[in-house]
Amino acid sequence: HKLLHGQSDLVTREYTIHLHKLLHGQTFKKRAPRAIREVKKFATKAMFTKDVRVDTKLNKALWATGVRNVPKRIRVRLSRKRNDDEEAEEKLYTLVEHVPVASFKELETKVVEDMGDDE
């Protein structure tokens, strides 16, 4: 399914991921690695791309409190971008970036107008 609901193929949205419920009952030493996997799974579901790339800052943010004390929630920016690599089987990939926020209260999913940062 290339396009859903006629949306453009390049789109950027901000989401809040509730990690606490995704890591419930997870062994301490597996929490942060599992959180990264869950973020990727979330991005795949939201953006319909198998190729998901996690920004290093997001990785650092998730690991900042240690392997076991992962933040309860995290705000992320999912950008669906074009894959310039010709051999890639997927034309699009999703970049997941961290959006630092003071509080998660009243935050909703929002579409970000692209700032024209075409690499």
Foldseek 3Di string as FASTA:
>chain_A
DQDDPPDDLWWKKKDKAQLQVVCPPPDQQCRLVVSVVVVLVVLCVVNVDNAEAEDVVVSCQQCVVHSRCGDRMFMWMWTWDADPDPPDPDRIYIYIYGDDDPDPPPDDMDTDDDPPPDD
